[in-house]
PDB file of N, CA and C in Angstrom:
ATOM      1  N   MET A   1     -17.548  40.205 -76.167  1.00  0.00           N
ATOM      2  CA  MET A   1     -17.137  39.277 -75.924  1.00  0.00           C
ATOM      3  C   MET A   1     -15.939  38.598 -74.817  1.00  0.00           C
ATOM      4  N   GLU A   2     -14.770  39.536 -74.753  1.00  0.00           N
ATOM      5  CA  GLU A   2     -14.037  39.247 -73.859  1.00  0.00           C
ATOM      6  C   GLU A   2     -14.305  39.917 -72.687  1.00  0.00           C
ATOM      7  N   ALA A   3     -14.976  40.694 -72.523  1.00  0.00           N
ATOM      8  CA  ALA A   3     -15.675  41.583 -71.763  1.00  0.00           C
ATOM      9  C   ALA A   3     -16.520  40.397 -70.536  1.00  0.00           C
ATOM     10  N   ARG A   4     -17.381  39.789 -71.808  1.00  0.00           N
ATOM     11  CA  ARG A   4     -18.314  39.116 -71.350  1.00  0.00           C
ATOM     12  C   ARG A   4     -17.356  38.100 -70.281  1.00  0.00           C
ATOM     13  N   ALA A   5     -16.617  37.728 -70.883  1.00  0.00           N
ATOM     14  CA  ALA A   5     -16.083  36.139 -70.938  1.00  0.00           C
ATOM     15  C   ALA A   5     -14.942  36.504 -69.392  1.00  0.00           C
ATOM     16  N   ARG A   6     -14.820  37.555 -69.518  1.00  0.00           N
ATOM     17  CA  ARG A   6     -14.029  37.783 -68.048  1.00  0.00           C
ATOM     18  C   ARG A   6     -14.784  37.999 -67.099  1.00  0.00           C
ATOM     19  N   GLU A   7     -16.235  38.476 -67.035  1.00  0.00           N
ATOM     20  CA  GLU A   7     -17.222  38.765 -66.171  1.00  0.00           C
ATOM     21  C   GLU A   7     -17.477  37.486 -65.395  1.00  0.00           C
ATOM     22  N   THR A   8     -17.557  36.049 -66.603  1.00  0.00           N
ATOM     23  CA  THR A   8     -18.328  35.298 -66.397  1.00  0.00           C
ATOM     24  C   THR A   8     -17.178  34.058 -65.267  1.00  0.00           C
ATOM     25  N   GLU A   9     -15.581  34.731 -66.224  1.00  0.00           N
ATOM     26  CA  GLU A   9     -14.683  34.000 -65.540  1.00  0.00           C
ATOM     27  C   GLU A   9     -14.709  34.501 -63.915  1.00  0.00           C
ATOM     28  N   ALA A  10     -14.833  35.932 -63.846  1.00  0.00           N
ATOM     29  CA  ALA A  10     -14.961  36.703 -62.359  1.00  0.00           C
ATOM     30  C   ALA A  10     -15.938  36.040 -61.689  1.00  0.00           C
ATOM     31  N   ARG A  11     -17.148  35.910 -62.128  1.00  0.00           N
ATOM     32  CA  ARG A  11     -18.425  35.284 -61.355  1.00  0.00           C
ATOM     33  C   ARG A  11     -18.560  33.981 -60.902  1.00  0.00           C
ATOM     34  N   ALA A  12     -17.359  33.115 -61.637  1.00  0.00           N
ATOM     35  CA  ALA A  12     -17.086  31.272 -61.561  1.00  0.00           C
ATOM     36  C   ALA A  12     -16.498  31.317 -60.493  1.00  0.00           C
ATOM     37  N   GLN A  13     -15.468  31.987 -60.636  1.00  0.00           N
ATOM     38  CA  GLN A  13     -13.841  32.223 -59.201  1.00  0.00           C
ATOM     39  C   GLN A  13     -14.510  32.660 -58.470  1.00  0.00           C
ATOM     40  N   SER A  14     -15.298  33.645 -58.599  1.00  0.00           N
ATOM     41  CA  SER A  14     -16.418  34.282 -56.915  1.00  0.00           C
ATOM     42  C   SER A  14     -17.245  32.747 -56.040  1.00  0.00           C
ATOM     43  N   MET A  15     -17.793  32.503 -57.281  1.00  0.00           N
ATOM     44  CA  MET A  15     -18.610  31.412 -56.666  1.00  0.00           C
ATOM     45  C   MET A  15     -17.967  30.419 -56.543  1.00  0.00           C
ATOM     46  N   CYS A  16     -16.872  30.078 -56.687  1.00  0.00           N
ATOM     47  CA  CYS A  16     -15.587  29.354 -56.779  1.00  0.00           C
ATOM     48  C   CYS A  16     -15.010  29.614 -54.946  1.00  0.00           C
ATOM     49  N   LYS A  17     -15.007  30.266 -55.090  1.00  0.00           N
ATOM     50  CA  LYS A  17     -14.147  30.686 -53.437  1.00  0.00           C
ATOM     51  C   LYS A  17     -15.338  30.777 -52.420  1.00  0.00           C
ATOM     52  N   ALA A  18     -16.920  31.439 -53.044  1.00  0.00           N
ATOM     53  CA  ALA A  18     -17.912  31.467 -51.836  1.00  0.00           C
ATOM     54  C   ALA A  18     -18.121  29.579 -51.450  1.00  0.00           C
ATOM     55  N   ALA A  19     -17.840  29.010 -52.646  1.00  0.00           N
ATOM     56  CA  ALA A  19     -18.215  27.286 -52.210  1.00  0.00           C
ATOM     57  C   ALA A  19     -16.884  27.190 -51.479  1.00  0.00           C
ATOM     58  N   SER A  20     -15.832  27.372 -51.478  1.00  0.00           N
ATOM     59  CA  SER A  20     -14.307  26.647 -50.863  1.00  0.00           C
ATOM     60  C   SER A  20     -14.845  27.338 -48.895  1.00  0.00           C
ATOM     61  N   GLU A  21     -15.267  28.513 -48.941  1.00  0.00           N
ATOM     62  CA  GLU A  21     -15.385  29.170 -47.547  1.00  0.00           C
ATOM     63  C   GLU A  21     -16.393  28.567 -47.286  1.00  0.00           C
ATOM     64  N   ARG A  22     -17.512  27.886 -47.771  1.00  0.00           N
ATOM     65  CA  ARG A  22     -18.600  27.446 -47.097  1.00  0.00           C
ATOM     66  C   ARG A  22     -18.395  25.842 -47.056  1.00  0.00           C
ATOM     67  N   MET A  23     -17.619  25.609 -47.619  1.00  0.00           N
ATOM     68  CA  MET A  23     -16.863  23.607 -47.132  1.00  0.00           C
ATOM     69  C   MET A  23     -16.161  24.109 -45.666  1.00  0.00           C
ATOM     70  N   LEU A  24     -15.180  24.652 -46.113  1.00  0.00           N
ATOM     71  CA  LEU A  24     -14.296  24.906 -44.986  1.00  0.00           C
ATOM     72  C   LEU A  24     -14.940  25.119 -43.739  1.00  0.00           C
ATOM     73  N   ALA A  25     -15.875  26.072 -44.017  1.00  0.00           N
ATOM     74  CA  ALA A  25     -16.715  26.047 -42.034  1.00  0.00           C
ATOM     75  C   ALA A  25     -17.078  24.658 -42.109  1.00  0.00           C
ATOM     76  N   ALA A  26     -18.208  24.582 -43.176  1.00  0.00           N
ATOM     77  CA  ALA A  26     -18.741  22.876 -42.684  1.00  0.00           C
ATOM     78  C   ALA A  26     -18.004  22.015 -42.484  1.00  0.00           C
ATOM     79  N   GLU A  27     -16.835  22.231 -42.781  1.00  0.00           N
ATOM     80  CA  GLU A  27     -15.861  20.973 -42.262  1.00  0.00           C
ATOM     81  C   GLU A  27     -15.682  21.334 -40.728  1.00  0.00           C
ATOM     82  N   ALA A  28     -15.183  23.229 -41.071  1.00  0.00           N
ATOM     83  CA  ALA A  28     -14.958  23.261 -39.311  1.00  0.00           C
ATOM     84  C   ALA A  28     -15.963  22.905 -37.922  1.00  0.00           C
ATOM     85  N   ARG A  29     -16.996  22.912 -38.916  1.00  0.00           N
ATOM     86  CA  ARG A  29     -18.678  22.809 -37.787  1.00  0.00           C
ATOM     87  C   ARG A  29     -18.615  21.132 -37.914  1.00  0.00           C
ATOM     88  N   SER A  30     -18.090  20.468 -38.376  1.00  0.00           N
ATOM     89  CA  SER A  30     -17.834  18.821 -38.459  1.00  0.00           C
ATOM     90  C   SER A  30     -16.875  18.528 -37.764  1.00  0.00           C
ATOM     91  N   GLU A  31     -15.641  19.060 -37.738  1.00  0.00           N
ATOM     92  CA  GLU A  31     -15.146  18.789 -36.764  1.00  0.00           C
ATOM     93  C   GLU A  31     -15.376  19.288 -35.419  1.00  0.00           C
ATOM     94  N   ALA A  32     -15.797  20.165 -35.401  1.00  0.00           N
ATOM     95  CA  ALA A  32     -16.630  20.827 -33.916  1.00  0.00           C
ATOM     96  C   ALA A  32     -17.674  19.566 -33.121  1.00  0.00           C
ATOM     97  N   ALA A  33     -18.231  19.196 -34.112  1.00  0.00           N
ATOM     98  CA  ALA A  33     -19.332  18.171 -33.505  1.00  0.00           C
ATOM     99  C   ALA A  33     -18.864  16.751 -33.773  1.00  0.00           C
ATOM    100  N   ASP A  34     -17.346  16.261 -34.113  1.00  0.00           N
ATOM    101  CA  ASP A  34     -17.382  14.912 -33.770  1.00  0.00           C
ATOM    102  C   ASP A  34     -16.061  15.294 -32.712  1.00  0.00           C
ATOM    103  N   ARG A  35     -15.587  16.977 -31.895  1.00  0.00           N
ATOM    104  CA  ARG A  35     -14.938  16.822 -30.764  1.00  0.00           C
ATOM    105  C   ARG A  35     -16.032  16.991 -29.487  1.00  0.00           C
ATOM    106  N   ALA A  36     -17.496  17.397 -30.160  1.00  0.00           N
ATOM    107  CA  ALA A  36     -18.461  17.148 -29.009  1.00  0.00           C
ATOM    108  C   ALA A  36     -18.913  15.815 -28.783  1.00  0.00           C
ATOM    109  N   ARG A  37     -18.825  15.263 -29.890  1.00  0.00           N
ATOM    110  CA  ARG A  37     -19.390  13.871 -29.731  1.00  0.00           C
ATOM    111  C   ARG A  37     -18.591  13.250 -28.709  1.00  0.00           C
ATOM    112  N   ARG A  38     -17.685  13.377 -29.127  1.00  0.00           N
ATOM    113  CA  ARG A  38     -16.266  12.479 -28.360  1.00  0.00           C
ATOM    114  C   ARG A  38     -16.172  12.659 -26.857  1.00  0.00           C
ATOM    115  N   LYS A  39     -16.404  14.227 -26.527  1.00  0.00           N
ATOM    116  CA  LYS A  39     -16.134  14.623 -25.450  1.00  0.00           C
ATOM    117  C   LYS A  39     -17.418  14.137 -24.681  1.00  0.00           C
ATOM    118  N   ILE A  40     -18.896  14.267 -25.429  1.00  0.00           N
ATOM    119  CA  ILE A  40     -19.907  13.638 -24.747  1.00  0.00           C
ATOM    120  C   ILE A  40     -19.698  11.743 -24.418  1.00  0.00           C
ATOM    121  N   ILE A  41     -19.537  11.454 -25.697  1.00  0.00           N
ATOM    122  CA  ILE A  41     -19.052  10.041 -25.209  1.00  0.00           C
ATOM    123  C   ILE A  41     -17.892   9.646 -24.228  1.00  0.00           C
ATOM    124  N   THR A  42     -17.169  10.210 -23.848  1.00  0.00           N
ATOM    125  CA  THR A  42     -15.874   9.995 -23.167  1.00  0.00           C
ATOM    126  C   THR A  42     -16.743  10.490 -21.936  1.00  0.00           C
ATOM    127  N   GLU A  43     -17.739  11.392 -21.307  1.00  0.00           N
ATOM    128  CA  GLU A  43     -17.809  11.726 -20.370  1.00  0.00           C
ATOM    129  C   GLU A  43     -18.891  11.120 -19.934  1.00  0.00           C
ATOM    130  N   ALA A  44     -19.884  10.028 -21.000  1.00  0.00           N
ATOM    131  CA  ALA A  44     -21.191   9.344 -20.523  1.00  0.00           C
ATOM    132  C   ALA A  44     -20.060   7.627 -20.073  1.00  0.00           C
ATOM    133  N   GLU A  45     -18.842   7.602 -20.999  1.00  0.00           N
ATOM    134  CA  GLU A  45     -18.516   6.182 -20.037  1.00  0.00           C
ATOM    135  C   GLU A  45     -17.700   6.429 -18.724  1.00  0.00           C
ATOM    136  N   CYS A  46     -17.020   7.849 -18.591  1.00  0.00           N
ATOM    137  CA  CYS A  46     -16.943   8.016 -16.826  1.00  0.00           C
ATOM    138  C   CYS A  46     -17.932   7.955 -16.002  1.00  0.00           C
ATOM    139  N   LYS A  47     -19.020   8.373 -16.585  1.00  0.00           N
ATOM    140  CA  LYS A  47     -20.487   8.447 -15.536  1.00  0.00           C
ATOM    141  C   LYS A  47     -20.719   7.054 -15.321  1.00  0.00           C
ATOM    142  N   LEU A  48     -20.733   5.942 -16.648  1.00  0.00           N
ATOM    143  CA  LEU A  48     -20.706   4.595 -16.596  1.00  0.00           C
ATOM    144  C   LEU A  48     -20.142   4.101 -15.934  1.00  0.00           C
ATOM    145  N   GLN A  49     -18.426   4.523 -15.740  1.00  0.00           N
ATOM    146  CA  GLN A  49     -17.959   3.257 -14.899  1.00  0.00           C
ATOM    147  C   GLN A  49     -17.804   3.656 -13.119  1.00  0.00           C
ATOM    148  N   ASP A  50     -18.166   5.065 -13.230  1.00  0.00           N
ATOM    149  CA  ASP A  50     -18.698   5.297 -11.600  1.00  0.00           C
ATOM    150  C   ASP A  50     -19.932   4.736 -11.677  1.00  0.00           C
ATOM    151  N   ALA A  51     -20.927   4.535 -11.878  1.00  0.00           N
ATOM    152  CA  ALA A  51     -22.437   4.338 -11.792  1.00  0.00           C
ATOM    153  C   ALA A  51     -21.641   2.500 -11.812  1.00  0.00           C
ATOM    154  N   SER A  52     -21.029   1.845 -12.650  1.00  0.00           N
ATOM    155  CA  SER A  52     -20.752   0.727 -12.112  1.00  0.00           C
ATOM    156  C   SER A  52     -20.091   0.337 -10.930  1.00  0.00           C
ATOM    157  N   ARG A  53     -19.108   1.289 -10.730  1.00  0.00           N
ATOM    158  CA  ARG A  53     -18.612   0.863  -9.524  1.00  0.00           C
ATOM    159  C   ARG A  53     -19.338   0.826  -7.877  1.00  0.00           C
ATOM    160  N   ALA A  54     -20.387   1.872  -8.270  1.00  0.00           N
ATOM    161  CA  ALA A  54     -21.296   2.153  -7.313  1.00  0.00           C
ATOM    162  C   ALA A  54     -22.008   0.980  -6.907  1.00  0.00           C
ATOM    163  N   LEU A  55     -22.411   0.572  -8.317  1.00  0.00           N
ATOM    164  CA  LEU A  55     -23.363  -0.674  -7.879  1.00  0.00           C
ATOM    165  C   LEU A  55     -22.760  -1.664  -7.567  1.00  0.00           C
ATOM    166  N   SER A  56     -21.877  -2.079  -7.931  1.00  0.00           N
ATOM    167  CA  SER A  56     -21.033  -3.170  -7.349  1.00  0.00           C
ATOM    168  C   SER A  56     -20.735  -3.126  -5.952  1.00  0.00           C
ATOM    169  N   GLN A  57     -20.235  -1.041  -5.439  1.00  0.00           N
ATOM    170  CA  GLN A  57     -20.193  -1.086  -4.000  1.00  0.00           C
ATOM    171  C   GLN A  57     -21.540  -1.269  -3.225  1.00  0.00           C
ATOM    172  N   ALA A  58     -22.380  -1.039  -3.698  1.00  0.00           N
ATOM    173  CA  ALA A  58     -23.799  -1.560  -2.910  1.00  0.00           C
ATOM    174  C   ALA A  58     -24.017  -2.847  -2.841  1.00  0.00           C
ATOM    175  N   GLN A  59     -23.896  -3.565  -3.861  1.00  0.00           N
ATOM    176  CA  GLN A  59     -24.045  -4.766  -4.139  1.00  0.00           C
ATOM    177  C   GLN A  59     -23.024  -5.654  -2.827  1.00  0.00           C
ATOM    178  N   ILE A  60     -21.946  -5.433  -2.778  1.00  0.00           N
ATOM    179  CA  ILE A  60     -20.648  -5.691  -1.181  1.00  0.00           C
ATOM    180  C   ILE A  60     -21.783  -5.302  -0.478  1.00  0.00           C
ATOM    181  N   GLN A  61     -21.983  -3.824   0.180  1.00  0.00           N
ATOM    182  CA  GLN A  61     -22.526  -3.678   1.280  1.00  0.00           C
ATOM    183  C   GLN A  61     -24.032  -4.612   1.786  1.00  0.00           C
ATOM    184  N   ILE A  62     -25.107  -4.815   0.479  1.00  0.00           N
ATOM    185  CA  ILE A  62     -26.194  -5.984   0.284  1.00  0.00           C
ATOM    186  C   ILE A  62     -25.755  -7.096   1.237  1.00  0.00           C
ATOM    187  N   THR A  63     -24.769  -7.640   0.069  1.00  0.00           N
ATOM    188  CA  THR A  63     -24.312  -8.754   0.859  1.00  0.00           C
ATOM    189  C   THR A  63     -23.259  -8.771   2.321  1.00  0.00           C
ATOM    190  N   ALA A  64     -22.800  -8.280   2.699  1.00  0.00           N
ATOM    191  CA  ALA A  64     -22.498  -7.603   4.392  1.00  0.00           C
ATOM    192  C   ALA A  64     -23.985  -7.691   4.903  1.00  0.00           C
ATOM    193  N   ALA A  65     -24.414  -6.901   4.908  1.00  0.00           N
ATOM    194  CA  ALA A  65     -25.786  -7.214   5.828  1.00  0.00           C
ATOM    195  C   ALA A  65     -26.893  -7.750   5.452  1.00  0.00           C
ATOM    196  N   GLU A  66     -26.782  -8.442   4.445  1.00  0.00           N
ATOM    197  CA  GLU A  66     -27.240 -10.069   4.376  1.00  0.00           C
ATOM    198  C   GLU A  66     -26.754 -10.741   5.439  1.00  0.00           C
ATOM    199  N   ASP A  67     -25.689 -10.736   5.396  1.00  0.00           N
ATOM    200  CA  ASP A  67     -25.188 -11.557   6.554  1.00  0.00           C
ATOM    201  C   ASP A  67     -24.772 -11.609   7.734  1.00  0.00           C
ATOM    202  N   ARG A  68     -25.019  -9.974   8.174  1.00  0.00           N
ATOM    203  CA  ARG A  68     -24.831  -9.834   9.434  1.00  0.00           C
ATOM    204  C   ARG A  68     -26.120 -10.294  10.565  1.00  0.00           C
ATOM    205  N   ALA A  69     -27.243 -10.160   9.022  1.00  0.00           N
ATOM    206  CA  ALA A  69     -28.663 -10.003   9.512  1.00  0.00           C
ATOM    207  C   ALA A  69     -28.896 -11.817   9.760  1.00  0.00           C
ATOM    208  N   THR A  70     -28.357 -12.256   8.800  1.00  0.00           N
ATOM    209  CA  THR A  70     -28.365 -14.239   8.979  1.00  0.00           C
ATOM    210  C   THR A  70     -27.307 -14.674  10.534  1.00  0.00           C
ATOM    211  N   ALA A  71     -26.307 -13.904  10.908  1.00  0.00           N
ATOM    212  CA  ALA A  71     -25.734 -14.104  11.756  1.00  0.00           C
ATOM    213  C   ALA A  71     -26.491 -13.672  13.016  1.00  0.00           C
ATOM    214  N   ALA A  72     -26.939 -12.259  13.282  1.00  0.00           N
ATOM    215  CA  ALA A  72     -27.922 -11.849  13.849  1.00  0.00           C
ATOM    216  C   ALA A  72     -28.908 -13.364  14.735  1.00  0.00           C
ATOM    217  N   GLU A  73     -29.716 -13.771  13.200  1.00  0.00           N
ATOM    218  CA  GLU A  73     -30.700 -14.336  13.378  1.00  0.00           C
ATOM    219  C   GLU A  73     -30.148 -15.900  13.801  1.00  0.00           C
ATOM    220  N   VAL A  74     -29.485 -16.238  13.911  1.00  0.00           N
ATOM    221  CA  VAL A  74     -28.425 -17.339  13.987  1.00  0.00           C
ATOM    222  C   VAL A  74     -28.550 -17.283  15.850  1.00  0.00           C
ATOM    223  N   ARG A  75     -28.018 -15.887  16.323  1.00  0.00           N
ATOM    224  CA  ARG A  75     -27.720 -15.859  17.791  1.00  0.00           C
ATOM    225  C   ARG A  75     -29.335 -15.731  18.451  1.00  0.00           C
ATOM    226  N   ALA A  76     -29.655 -14.885  17.878  1.00  0.00           N
ATOM    227  CA  ALA A  76     -31.057 -15.163  18.673  1.00  0.00           C
ATOM    228  C   ALA A  76     -31.453 -16.679  18.774  1.00  0.00           C
ATOM    229  N   GLN A  77     -31.463 -17.477  17.575  1.00  0.00           N
ATOM    230  CA  GLN A  77     -32.227 -18.896  17.921  1.00  0.00           C
ATOM    231  C   GLN A  77     -31.178 -19.564  19.284  1.00  0.00           C
ATOM    232  N   VAL A  78     -29.640 -19.793  18.649  1.00  0.00           N
ATOM    233  CA  VAL A  78     -29.172 -19.926  19.999  1.00  0.00           C
ATOM    234  C   VAL A  78     -29.538 -19.161  21.408  1.00  0.00           C
ATOM    235  N   ALA A  79     -30.036 -18.255  21.557  1.00  0.00           N
ATOM    236  CA  ALA A  79     -30.295 -17.429  22.791  1.00  0.00           C
ATOM    237  C   ALA A  79     -31.785 -18.150  23.277  1.00  0.00           C
ATOM    238  N   GLU A  80     -32.096 -18.258  22.247  1.00  0.00           N
ATOM    239  CA  GLU A  80     -33.647 -18.377  22.224  1.00  0.00           C
ATOM    240  C   GLU A  80     -32.991 -20.162  23.141  1.00  0.00           C
ATOM    241  N   ALA A  81     -32.888 -21.172  22.328  1.00  0.00           N
ATOM    242  CA  ALA A  81     -32.640 -22.287  22.909  1.00  0.00           C
ATOM    243  C   ALA A  81     -32.062 -22.191  24.026  1.00  0.00           C
ATOM    244  N   LYS A  82     -30.713 -21.843  24.407  1.00  0.00           N
ATOM    245  CA  LYS A  82     -30.788 -21.630  25.692  1.00  0.00           C
ATOM    246  C   LYS A  82     -32.082 -20.751  26.527  1.00  0.00           C
ATOM    247  N   ALA A  83     -32.186 -20.378  26.634  1.00  0.00           N
ATOM    248  CA  ALA A  83     -33.297 -19.591  27.457  1.00  0.00           C
ATOM    249  C   ALA A  83     -34.545 -20.908  27.909  1.00  0.00           C
ATOM    250  N   ARG A  84     -34.719 -21.698  26.764  1.00  0.00           N
ATOM    251  CA  ARG A  84     -35.760 -22.673  26.638  1.00  0.00           C
ATOM    252  C   ARG A  84     -34.944 -23.617  27.575  1.00  0.00           C
ATOM    253  N   GLN A  85     -33.399 -24.136  27.209  1.00  0.00           N
ATOM    254  CA  GLN A  85     -32.909 -24.914  28.377  1.00  0.00           C
ATOM    255  C   GLN A  85     -32.705 -24.834  29.940  1.00  0.00           C
ATOM    256  N   ALA A  86     -32.503 -23.404  30.291  1.00  0.00           N
ATOM    257  CA  ALA A  86     -32.457 -22.684  31.295  1.00  0.00           C
ATOM    258  C   ALA A  86     -33.697 -22.938  31.879  1.00  0.00           C
ATOM    259  N   LEU A  87     -35.272 -22.755  31.361  1.00  0.00           N
ATOM    260  CA  LEU A  87     -36.720 -22.690  31.662  1.00  0.00           C
ATOM    261  C   LEU A  87     -36.300 -24.249  32.283  1.00  0.00           C
ATOM    262  N   GLU A  88     -36.074 -25.524  31.738  1.00  0.00           N
ATOM    263  CA  GLU A  88     -36.188 -26.309  31.538  1.00  0.00           C
ATOM    264  C   GLU A  88     -36.128 -27.030  32.756  1.00  0.00           C
ATOM    265  N   THR A  89     -34.276 -26.946  32.895  1.00  0.00           N
ATOM    266  CA  THR A  89     -33.243 -26.992  34.052  1.00  0.00           C
ATOM    267  C   THR A  89     -33.795 -26.453  35.563  1.00  0.00           C
ATOM    268  N   LEU A  90     -34.378 -25.418  35.450  1.00  0.00           N
ATOM    269  CA  LEU A  90     -34.978 -24.531  36.772  1.00  0.00           C
ATOM    270  C   LEU A  90     -36.578 -25.239  37.234  1.00  0.00           C
ATOM    271  N   SER A  91     -37.160 -25.726  35.812  1.00  0.00           N
ATOM    272  CA  SER A  91     -38.159 -26.075  36.339  1.00  0.00           C
ATOM    273  C   SER A  91     -38.069 -27.739  36.961  1.00  0.00           C
ATOM    274  N   LEU A  92     -36.914 -28.669  36.266  1.00  0.00           N
ATOM    275  CA  LEU A  92     -36.471 -29.710  37.228  1.00  0.00           C
ATOM    276  C   LEU A  92     -35.935 -29.350  38.557  1.00  0.00           C
ATOM    277  N   VAL A  93     -35.102 -28.542  39.019  1.00  0.00           N
ATOM    278  CA  VAL A  93     -34.832 -27.668  39.935  1.00  0.00           C
ATOM    279  C   VAL A  93     -36.173 -27.718  40.977  1.00  0.00           C
ATOM    280  N   GLU A  94     -37.005 -26.525  40.563  1.00  0.00           N
ATOM    281  CA  GLU A  94     -37.850 -26.494  40.963  1.00  0.00           C
ATOM    282  C   GLU A  94     -38.901 -27.988  41.396  1.00  0.00           C
ATOM    283  N   GLU A  95     -39.048 -28.751  40.667  1.00  0.00           N
ATOM    284  CA  GLU A  95     -39.834 -29.910  40.810  1.00  0.00           C
ATOM    285  C   GLU A  95     -38.957 -31.168  42.208  1.00  0.00           C
ATOM    286  N   ALA A  96     -37.955 -30.980  41.755  1.00  0.00           N
ATOM    287  CA  ALA A  96     -36.697 -31.626  43.019  1.00  0.00           C
ATOM    288  C   ALA A  96     -37.197 -31.093  44.273  1.00  0.00           C
ATOM    289  N   LEU A  97     -37.026 -29.854  44.376  1.00  0.00           N
ATOM    290  CA  LEU A  97     -36.983 -29.241  45.441  1.00  0.00           C
ATOM    291  C   LEU A  97     -38.196 -29.472  46.283  1.00  0.00           C
ATOM    292  N   ARG A  98     -39.389 -29.548  45.135  1.00  0.00           N
ATOM    293  CA  ARG A  98     -40.461 -29.841  45.992  1.00  0.00           C
ATOM    294  C   ARG A  98     -40.781 -31.150  46.408  1.00  0.00           C
ATOM    295  N   ASN A  99     -40.203 -31.984  45.638  1.00  0.00           N
ATOM    296  CA  ASN A  99     -40.205 -33.150  46.042  1.00  0.00           C
ATOM    297  C   ASN A  99     -39.466 -33.645  47.288  1.00  0.00           C
ATOM    298  N   ARG A 100     -38.296 -33.075  47.268  1.00  0.00           N
ATOM    299  CA  ARG A 100     -37.617 -33.157  48.535  1.00  0.00           C
ATOM    300  C   ARG A 100     -38.331 -32.495  49.877  1.00  0.00           C
ATOM    301  N   PHE A 101     -39.024 -31.284  49.304  1.00  0.00           N
ATOM    302  CA  PHE A 101     -39.551 -30.807  50.839  1.00  0.00           C
ATOM    303  C   PHE A 101     -41.178 -31.235  50.834  1.00  0.00           C
ATOM    304  N   CYS A 102     -41.891 -31.899  49.971  1.00  0.00           N
ATOM    305  CA  CYS A 102     -42.664 -32.604  49.901  1.00  0.00           C
ATOM    306  C   CYS A 102     -42.576 -33.937  50.353  1.00  0.00           C
ATOM    307  N   THR A 103     -41.021 -34.524  50.358  1.00  0.00           N
ATOM    308  CA  THR A 103     -41.281 -36.113  51.375  1.00  0.00           C
ATOM    309  C   THR A 103     -40.780 -36.175  52.718  1.00  0.00           C
ATOM    310  N   ASN A 104     -39.915 -35.080  52.932  1.00  0.00           N
ATOM    311  CA  ASN A 104     -39.720 -34.420  54.590  1.00  0.00           C
ATOM    312  C   ASN A 104     -40.475 -34.298  55.169  1.00  0.00           C
ATOM    313  N   SER A 105     -41.404 -33.657  54.734  1.00  0.00           N
ATOM    314  CA  SER A 105     -42.754 -33.047  55.539  1.00  0.00           C
ATOM    315  C   SER A 105     -43.787 -34.173  55.754  1.00  0.00           C
ATOM    316  N   THR A 106     -43.377 -34.906  54.251  1.00  0.00           N
ATOM    317  CA  THR A 106     -44.566 -36.082  54.593  1.00  0.00           C
ATOM    318  C   THR A 106     -43.506 -37.176  56.140  1.00  0.00           C
ATOM    319  N   ALA A 107     -42.313 -37.101  55.352  1.00  0.00           N
ATOM    320  CA  ALA A 107     -42.372 -38.424  56.837  1.00  0.00           C
ATOM    321  C   ALA A 107     -41.966 -37.383  57.954  1.00  0.00           C
ATOM    322  N   ASN A 108     -41.762 -36.134  58.320  1.00  0.00           N
ATOM    323  CA  ASN A 108     -41.668 -35.460  59.886  1.00  0.00           C
ATOM    324  C   ASN A 108     -43.060 -35.152  60.188  1.00  0.00           C
ATOM    325  N   SER A 109     -43.999 -35.519  59.167  1.00  0.00           N
ATOM    326  CA  SER A 109     -45.599 -35.924  59.558  1.00  0.00           C
ATOM    327  C   SER A 109     -45.799 -37.179  60.370  1.00  0.00           C
ATOM    328  N   LYS A 110     -45.067 -37.964  59.557  1.00  0.00           N
ATOM    329  CA  LYS A 110     -45.096 -39.526  59.890  1.00  0.00           C
ATOM    330  C   LYS A 110     -44.722 -39.351  61.182  1.00  0.00           C
ATOM    331  N   LEU A 111     -43.581 -39.180  61.635  1.00  0.00           N
ATOM    332  CA  LEU A 111     -42.731 -39.616  62.896  1.00  0.00           C
ATOM    333  C   LEU A 111     -43.390 -38.558  63.933  1.00  0.00           C
ATOM    334  N   SER A 112     -44.267 -37.682  63.567  1.00  0.00           N
ATOM    335  CA  SER A 112     -44.724 -36.422  64.397  1.00  0.00           C
ATOM    336  C   SER A 112     -45.971 -37.841  64.960  1.00  0.00           C
ATOM    337  N   ALA A 113     -46.149 -37.811  64.415  1.00  0.00           N
ATOM    338  CA  ALA A 113     -47.925 -39.106  64.450  1.00  0.00           C
ATOM    339  C   ALA A 113     -47.188 -40.363  65.290  1.00  0.00           C
ATOM    340  N   VAL A 114     -46.259 -40.371  64.866  1.00  0.00           N
ATOM    341  CA  VAL A 114     -45.829 -42.125  65.667  1.00  0.00           C
ATOM    342  C   VAL A 114     -44.960 -41.402  67.333  1.00  0.00           C
ATOM    343  N   ALA A 115     -45.061 -40.342  67.368  1.00  0.00           N
ATOM    344  CA  ALA A 115     -44.122 -40.052  68.716  1.00  0.00           C
ATOM    345  C   ALA A 115     -45.500 -39.419  69.536  1.00  0.00           C
TER     346      ALA A 115
END
């Protein structure tokens, strides 16, 4: 009976030792998984911050491009207005020259007819 009790106690201790080793191994795996999870989260946060900075920079560049496009449109409109004004002025000058030369031609013709 004592031998049987010793065998049972030995098996119980062996089972306890095996369970303790499995528990330590499980804790080690759990800690490794936690470290890996924290590393992944840290890397994801860094990538998210990088993406956020890139998005902000892209928005700034888009705004600057829109401002440049608006300024170019305004310059084009001003240039068109100046071109129209120049054409109108040229037309007025041409009309004035025609009137002057036509009036002089008519006067010369009348003078020639009188003489």
